[in-house]
Amino acid sequence: MSNPFKNIQGEIAWKAPSNIALVKYWGKYGNQLPRNASISFTLNNAFTETSVKYVAKTDGSKNIDLKFLFEGQENPKFAEKIQKFLESIIPHFPFLPHFSLEINSSNSFPHSTGIASSASSMAALALCLTDIENTLDGGLFPSAFFEKASMIARLGSGSACRSVFPYLSVWGKHANIAFSSNEHGIPFHDTVHPVFKTFKDAILIVSSDEKSVSSRAGHALMDGNPFSESRYQQAETHLTDLVGYLKDGNLDKFGEIVENEALTLHALMMCSTPSYMLMLPNTLKIIDLIKNYRSEKGVPLYFTLDAGPNVHLLYPEGNAAEVETFIRESLLLYCEQGKVIYDQVGKGPGKIK
């Protein structure tokens, strides 16, 4: 059978940011569906750039024909993961077996730094593939385009579905959030107080070692966790309350929920079977110093954590000078080789011309 895309070739590239969850998604079911809804800040400086070259095949084969490069070098481990991902999404993108693909991907940040590289990389790839489909077939309105890209990104990495939207994104069905869905993320910034759209995120690198447990394995442990059901109820309540604080600009209540969410995530891992302690002594020291600084200075500085030891410091742009002085003078001592990555809430992904 002849290739319906005979003689077609092209190249499309997108940049997609990472994100940091405020209300955490922890626990999933089915095909990458969340047990509870979550909300995240979209970052700005931590991003992945991905390009996809596509050339119509002439040999009639129906296998995925892929060459994958990461940071300019072949990476068999990543290539195998991407190959399996592409095979799994053929029902959503029937054009894939008809092309030879060359994917080039690179990050603006080092690997293993507490930034969700799977979120930015899978979001960037999903945007490229959705754009190729749009180029071949046409017809997707912008809102439908980003909704499909979010759904595809979710299939590669759950939290990636939030990285295709600017400022803030919600993923997961929630009774009080219109149009929320387990299938894809939605943008959530129209009614948010302006202070949150310019929030800073300083990522303190306590350790760049590989995590002792993968996020995928951590999610699976929630199935047997004795506190899982109460956790899902807590997350729903937290998200309801946080949405109100985001609209009102209530920084203290925002910080209270965000910090509780971070500690809850780590508590769940500590009481799973097997259990994992993902924080390190310097993580706890940094958290203690942040709380003391906030109490003494009255500065709105808050922390959150992903499933690892590194600490994200969240603070308004208007407090950046004093907070970053505090970081240099009091916190870098507890970071691996004094490492910190300064980021902020960003405007979302963009196509690379």
Protein backbone atom coordinates (compact mmCIF):
# COMPACT_ATOMS: atom_id res chain seq x y z
CA MET A 1 0.00 0.00 0.00
CA SER A 2 1.39 3.40 -0.96
CA ASN A 3 2.11 6.04 1.67
CA PRO A 4 -0.81 8.51 1.81
CA PHE A 5 1.72 11.19 2.84
CA LYS A 6 4.07 10.54 -0.10
CA ASN A 7 6.85 13.12 -0.52
CA ILE A 8 5.81 15.10 2.57
CA GLN A 9 8.52 16.21 4.97
CA GLY A 10 9.10 18.98 7.46
CA GLU A 11 10.39 20.00 10.85
CA ILE A 12 8.53 21.45 13.84
CA ALA A 13 9.99 22.61 17.17
CA TRP A 14 8.47 23.69 20.48
CA LYS A 15 9.73 24.91 23.84
CA ALA A 16 7.77 23.76 26.90
CA PRO A 17 8.41 24.64 30.56
CA SER A 18 8.46 22.49 33.65
CA ASN A 19 5.94 23.13 36.43
CA ILE A 20 5.78 22.89 40.21
CA ALA A 21 2.63 21.51 41.82
CA LEU A 22 1.01 23.49 44.64
CA VAL A 23 -1.67 20.90 45.40
CA LYS A 24 0.04 17.58 44.60
CA TYR A 25 -1.21 14.73 42.46
CA TRP A 26 -0.10 11.51 44.14
CA GLY A 27 -1.75 8.27 43.19
CA LYS A 28 -3.20 7.28 39.84
CA TYR A 29 -5.35 4.68 38.10
CA GLY A 30 -6.05 3.44 34.58
CA ASN A 31 -3.91 4.98 31.87
CA GLN A 32 -2.22 7.87 33.67
CA LEU A 33 -5.39 9.20 35.33
CA PRO A 34 -5.12 11.06 38.66
CA ARG A 35 -6.72 9.99 41.92
CA ASN A 36 -7.08 13.66 42.88
CA ALA A 37 -7.04 17.01 41.12
CA SER A 38 -3.90 19.16 41.27
CA ILE A 39 -2.81 22.70 40.46
CA SER A 40 0.63 23.97 39.51
CA PHE A 41 2.69 27.03 38.69
CA THR A 42 4.08 26.96 35.17
CA LEU A 43 7.78 27.85 35.30
CA ASN A 44 9.71 30.08 32.93
CA ASN A 45 13.46 29.41 32.89
CA ALA A 46 13.35 25.62 33.30
CA PHE A 47 12.25 24.32 29.90
CA THR A 48 12.83 21.69 27.23
CA GLU A 49 13.31 22.47 23.55
CA THR A 50 12.31 19.66 21.19
CA SER A 51 12.37 19.46 17.41
CA VAL A 52 10.84 16.72 15.28
CA LYS A 53 11.91 16.15 11.68
CA TYR A 54 9.48 13.99 9.72
CA VAL A 55 10.03 12.45 6.28
CA ALA A 56 7.47 10.24 4.55
CA LYS A 57 8.68 6.63 4.34
CA THR A 58 9.00 4.85 1.02
CA ASP A 59 9.46 1.25 2.17
CA GLY A 60 5.86 0.61 3.24
CA SER A 61 6.84 -0.55 6.75
CA LYS A 62 4.42 0.12 9.60
CA ASN A 63 6.95 0.27 12.43
CA ILE A 64 7.91 3.47 14.23
CA ASP A 65 11.13 4.64 12.57
CA LEU A 66 12.92 6.80 15.15
CA LYS A 67 16.26 8.47 15.70
CA PHE A 68 16.43 10.22 19.07
CA LEU A 69 19.05 12.66 20.30
CA PHE A 70 19.27 14.21 23.78
CA GLU A 71 21.59 17.19 24.21
CA GLY A 72 23.01 16.36 20.75
CA GLN A 73 23.95 12.78 21.68
CA GLU A 74 22.22 9.46 21.14
CA ASN A 75 20.69 8.22 24.38
CA PRO A 76 19.48 4.60 24.11
CA LYS A 77 17.63 4.69 27.45
CA PHE A 78 15.58 7.76 26.52
CA ALA A 79 15.16 6.52 22.92
CA GLU A 80 13.59 3.27 24.11
CA LYS A 81 11.14 5.17 26.30
CA ILE A 82 10.17 7.51 23.46
CA GLN A 83 9.81 4.59 21.03
CA LYS A 84 7.33 2.85 23.34
CA PHE A 85 5.48 6.11 23.91
CA LEU A 86 5.11 6.75 20.17
CA GLU A 87 3.86 3.20 19.60
CA SER A 88 1.26 3.66 22.33
CA ILE A 89 -0.20 6.86 20.83
CA ILE A 90 -0.62 5.63 17.23
CA PRO A 91 -4.43 5.48 17.80
CA HIS A 92 -4.31 9.24 18.51
CA PHE A 93 -1.83 10.01 15.70
CA PRO A 94 -2.38 7.50 12.84
CA PHE A 95 0.20 9.34 10.71
CA LEU A 96 3.13 8.22 12.90
CA PRO A 97 3.94 4.86 11.18
CA HIS A 98 4.10 6.60 7.79
CA PHE A 99 7.10 8.79 8.65
CA SER A 100 10.72 8.48 9.63
CA LEU A 101 11.25 10.68 12.67
CA GLU A 102 14.30 12.40 14.10
CA ILE A 103 13.71 13.91 17.53
CA ASN A 104 16.20 16.29 19.14
CA SER A 105 15.62 17.32 22.75
CA SER A 106 17.58 19.49 25.17
CA ASN A 107 16.96 21.02 28.59
CA SER A 108 17.82 24.48 29.90
CA PHE A 109 18.65 22.92 33.28
CA PRO A 110 20.89 20.05 34.43
CA HIS A 111 19.44 16.58 34.87
CA SER A 112 18.58 15.48 38.45
CA THR A 113 18.11 18.95 39.92
CA GLY A 114 14.66 18.64 41.38
CA ILE A 115 13.01 20.06 38.27
CA ALA A 116 10.44 17.88 36.53
CA SER A 117 12.26 17.18 33.26
CA SER A 118 9.70 14.56 32.22
CA ALA A 119 6.97 17.23 32.44
CA SER A 120 8.74 19.71 30.17
CA SER A 121 10.10 17.08 27.75
CA MET A 122 6.84 15.21 27.25
CA ALA A 123 4.91 18.48 26.93
CA ALA A 124 7.33 19.73 24.26
CA LEU A 125 7.11 16.44 22.34
CA ALA A 126 3.30 16.36 22.58
CA LEU A 127 3.10 19.92 21.23
CA CYS A 128 5.36 18.98 18.29
CA LEU A 129 3.31 15.91 17.42
CA THR A 130 -0.01 17.75 17.71
CA ASP A 131 1.40 20.50 15.51
CA ILE A 132 2.52 17.98 12.88
CA GLU A 133 -0.97 16.48 12.85
CA ASN A 134 -2.42 19.97 12.46
CA THR A 135 -0.02 20.65 9.58
CA LEU A 136 -1.04 17.43 7.84
CA ASP A 137 -4.76 17.58 8.50
CA GLY A 138 -5.54 21.12 9.69
CA GLY A 139 -8.69 22.14 11.48
CA LEU A 140 -7.82 22.28 15.19
CA PHE A 141 -8.84 25.51 16.91
CA PRO A 142 -6.23 26.83 19.42
CA SER A 143 -8.17 25.66 22.48
CA ALA A 144 -8.63 22.18 20.99
CA PHE A 145 -4.97 22.11 19.94
CA PHE A 146 -3.68 22.69 23.47
CA GLU A 147 -6.28 20.37 24.97
CA LYS A 148 -5.12 17.51 22.72
CA ALA A 149 -1.45 18.32 23.37
CA SER A 150 -2.18 18.22 27.10
CA MET A 151 -3.90 14.85 26.79
CA ILE A 152 -1.00 13.39 24.79
CA ALA A 153 1.54 14.80 27.25
CA ARG A 154 -0.38 13.17 30.11
CA LEU A 155 0.06 9.76 28.50
CA GLY A 156 3.84 10.26 28.61
CA SER A 157 4.07 11.83 32.08
CA GLY A 158 1.07 12.76 34.19
CA SER A 159 2.24 16.18 35.34
CA ALA A 160 3.32 17.06 31.78
CA CYS A 161 -0.30 17.80 30.93
CA ARG A 162 -0.06 20.96 33.08
CA SER A 163 3.00 22.27 31.24
CA VAL A 164 1.16 23.31 28.07
CA PHE A 165 -0.61 26.25 29.75
CA PRO A 166 0.62 29.64 31.04
CA TYR A 167 0.91 30.77 34.67
CA LEU A 168 -1.22 28.10 36.41
CA SER A 169 -2.92 24.88 35.36
CA VAL A 170 -5.40 22.48 36.95
CA TRP A 171 -5.47 18.78 36.12
CA GLY A 172 -8.08 16.38 37.44
CA LYS A 173 -11.85 16.47 37.76
CA HIS A 174 -12.93 18.76 40.59
CA ALA A 175 -16.52 19.59 41.47
CA ASN A 176 -15.82 23.30 41.97
CA ILE A 177 -13.67 23.92 38.88
CA ALA A 178 -15.50 24.25 35.58
CA PHE A 179 -14.22 22.18 32.64
CA SER A 180 -11.70 20.33 34.83
CA SER A 181 -10.91 16.85 33.55
CA ASN A 182 -8.89 13.75 34.38
CA GLU A 183 -8.01 13.43 30.69
CA HIS A 184 -6.13 16.72 30.29
CA GLY A 185 -5.11 19.89 32.07
CA ILE A 186 -6.86 23.23 31.74
CA PRO A 187 -5.51 26.79 32.01
CA PHE A 188 -6.29 28.47 35.32
CA HIS A 189 -5.13 32.07 35.46
CA ASP A 190 -7.97 34.34 34.33
CA THR A 191 -9.33 34.93 37.83
CA VAL A 192 -6.05 34.66 39.75
CA HIS A 193 -4.71 37.70 41.64
CA PRO A 194 -1.88 39.40 39.69
CA VAL A 195 0.64 38.82 42.50
CA PHE A 196 0.73 35.10 41.70
CA LYS A 197 1.51 35.61 38.02
CA THR A 198 4.89 37.11 38.90
CA PHE A 199 5.81 34.72 41.73
CA LYS A 200 9.44 33.62 41.98
CA ASP A 201 10.67 30.06 42.47
CA ALA A 202 14.24 29.57 43.74
CA ILE A 203 15.15 25.89 43.60
CA LEU A 204 17.70 24.93 46.25
CA ILE A 205 19.67 21.86 45.18
CA VAL A 206 20.25 19.83 48.35
CA SER A 207 21.28 16.80 46.30
CA SER A 208 21.55 16.04 42.58
CA ASP A 209 21.63 12.27 43.16
CA GLU A 210 19.02 10.13 41.45
CA LYS A 211 15.89 9.68 43.56
CA SER A 212 15.71 6.48 45.61
CA VAL A 213 12.27 5.72 44.13
CA SER A 214 10.79 6.80 40.81
CA SER A 215 7.63 8.89 40.72
CA ARG A 216 5.89 6.04 38.88
CA ALA A 217 6.70 3.62 41.71
CA GLY A 218 5.74 6.22 44.31
CA HIS A 219 2.30 6.67 42.76
CA ALA A 220 1.78 2.90 42.75
CA LEU A 221 2.48 2.74 46.50
CA MET A 222 -0.65 4.83 47.14
CA ASP A 223 -2.80 1.80 46.24
CA GLY A 224 -1.81 0.12 49.50
CA ASN A 225 -1.32 3.21 51.64
CA PRO A 226 -3.64 3.19 54.70
CA PHE A 227 -4.12 6.96 54.43
CA SER A 228 -4.82 7.15 50.70
CA GLU A 229 -8.57 7.83 50.85
CA SER A 230 -8.25 10.56 53.48
CA ARG A 231 -5.43 12.04 51.39
CA TYR A 232 -7.63 12.30 48.30
CA GLN A 233 -10.32 14.03 50.36
CA GLN A 234 -7.71 16.39 51.81
CA ALA A 235 -6.46 17.28 48.33
CA GLU A 236 -9.98 18.12 47.16
CA THR A 237 -10.53 20.40 50.17
CA HIS A 238 -7.11 22.01 49.77
CA LEU A 239 -7.76 22.76 46.10
CA THR A 240 -11.16 24.28 46.85
CA ASP A 241 -9.63 26.54 49.50
CA LEU A 242 -6.53 27.38 47.47
CA VAL A 243 -8.57 28.53 44.48
CA GLY A 244 -10.22 31.10 46.74
CA TYR A 245 -6.90 32.30 48.13
CA LEU A 246 -5.42 32.57 44.63
CA LYS A 247 -8.31 34.81 43.61
CA ASP A 248 -8.14 36.96 46.74
CA GLY A 249 -4.35 37.27 46.84
CA ASN A 250 -4.22 35.81 50.36
CA LEU A 251 -0.51 35.01 50.63
CA ASP A 252 -0.50 33.59 54.16
CA LYS A 253 -3.28 31.09 53.47
CA PHE A 254 -1.73 30.24 50.10
CA GLY A 255 1.56 29.42 51.81
CA GLU A 256 -0.12 27.42 54.57
CA ILE A 257 -1.76 25.05 52.09
CA VAL A 258 1.25 24.78 49.77
CA GLU A 259 3.60 23.85 52.62
CA ASN A 260 1.13 21.37 54.07
CA GLU A 261 0.80 19.73 50.66
CA ALA A 262 4.57 19.33 50.37
CA LEU A 263 4.90 17.75 53.80
CA THR A 264 1.88 15.51 53.22
CA LEU A 265 3.49 14.12 50.05
CA HIS A 266 6.61 13.15 51.99
CA ALA A 267 4.60 11.78 54.91
CA LEU A 268 2.73 9.51 52.50
CA MET A 269 6.02 8.12 51.23
CA MET A 270 7.25 7.58 54.78
CA CYS A 271 4.21 5.49 55.69
CA SER A 272 4.02 3.50 52.44
CA THR A 273 5.13 -0.12 52.21
CA PRO A 274 7.99 -0.17 51.50
CA SER A 275 8.62 3.24 53.03
CA TYR A 276 10.93 5.93 51.69
CA MET A 277 12.55 8.92 53.37
CA LEU A 278 13.09 11.36 50.50
CA MET A 279 14.11 14.39 52.55
CA LEU A 280 17.70 14.79 53.73
CA PRO A 281 18.98 16.51 56.91
CA ASN A 282 19.73 19.68 54.95
CA THR A 283 16.18 19.69 53.56
CA LEU A 284 14.84 19.85 57.12
CA LYS A 285 17.38 22.50 58.11
CA ILE A 286 16.36 24.71 55.19
CA ILE A 287 12.66 24.33 56.04
CA ASP A 288 13.37 25.29 59.66
CA LEU A 289 15.33 28.37 58.59
CA ILE A 290 12.56 29.45 56.23
CA LYS A 291 9.95 29.23 58.97
CA ASN A 292 12.12 31.22 61.39
CA TYR A 293 12.88 33.87 58.76
CA ARG A 294 9.20 34.28 57.91
CA SER A 295 8.24 34.54 61.57
CA GLU A 296 10.95 37.10 62.39
CA LYS A 297 10.79 39.25 59.23
CA GLY A 298 7.14 38.90 58.24
CA VAL A 299 8.24 38.20 54.64
CA PRO A 300 5.89 36.02 52.51
CA LEU A 301 8.36 33.23 51.74
CA TYR A 302 7.06 29.68 51.42
CA PHE A 303 8.47 26.28 50.48
CA THR A 304 7.29 23.32 48.52
CA LEU A 305 8.91 20.00 47.56
CA ASP A 306 8.60 17.44 44.82
CA ALA A 307 9.28 13.76 45.52
CA GLY A 308 12.92 14.43 46.43
CA PRO A 309 15.14 16.43 48.80
CA ASN A 310 15.38 19.72 46.89
CA VAL A 311 13.44 22.75 48.09
CA HIS A 312 11.42 25.18 45.97
CA LEU A 313 11.17 28.64 47.57
CA LEU A 314 8.08 30.55 46.45
CA TYR A 315 7.82 34.32 47.00
CA PRO A 316 6.34 37.44 45.36
CA GLU A 317 8.44 39.40 42.90
CA GLY A 318 8.22 42.42 45.19
CA ASN A 319 10.15 40.55 47.90
CA ALA A 320 12.83 39.14 45.59
CA ALA A 321 15.74 41.32 46.77
CA GLU A 322 15.41 40.54 50.47
CA VAL A 323 14.59 36.86 49.94
CA GLU A 324 17.53 36.31 47.61
CA THR A 325 19.83 38.00 50.11
CA PHE A 326 18.53 35.55 52.73
CA ILE A 327 19.17 32.67 50.33
CA ARG A 328 22.78 33.73 49.73
CA GLU A 329 23.57 34.48 53.37
CA SER A 330 21.72 31.68 55.16
CA LEU A 331 20.64 28.85 52.84
CA LEU A 332 23.32 28.18 50.23
CA LEU A 333 25.46 26.63 52.98
CA TYR A 334 23.03 23.70 52.99
CA CYS A 335 22.95 23.24 49.21
CA GLU A 336 25.14 20.90 47.20
CA GLN A 337 28.12 23.05 46.14
CA GLY A 338 25.99 26.13 46.80
CA LYS A 339 23.67 25.32 43.89
CA VAL A 340 20.46 27.30 43.40
CA ILE A 341 18.37 27.77 40.25
CA TYR A 342 16.33 30.97 40.06
CA ASP A 343 13.05 30.69 38.20
CA GLN A 344 9.62 32.31 38.14
CA VAL A 345 6.05 31.79 36.99
CA GLY A 346 6.00 31.89 33.19
CA LYS A 347 3.81 32.41 30.15
CA GLY A 348 3.81 28.82 28.99
CA PRO A 349 5.12 27.03 25.91
CA GLY A 350 6.01 28.55 22.57
CA LYS A 351 6.65 27.40 19.04
CA ILE A 352 10.25 27.79 17.88
CA LYS A 353 10.50 29.35 14.44
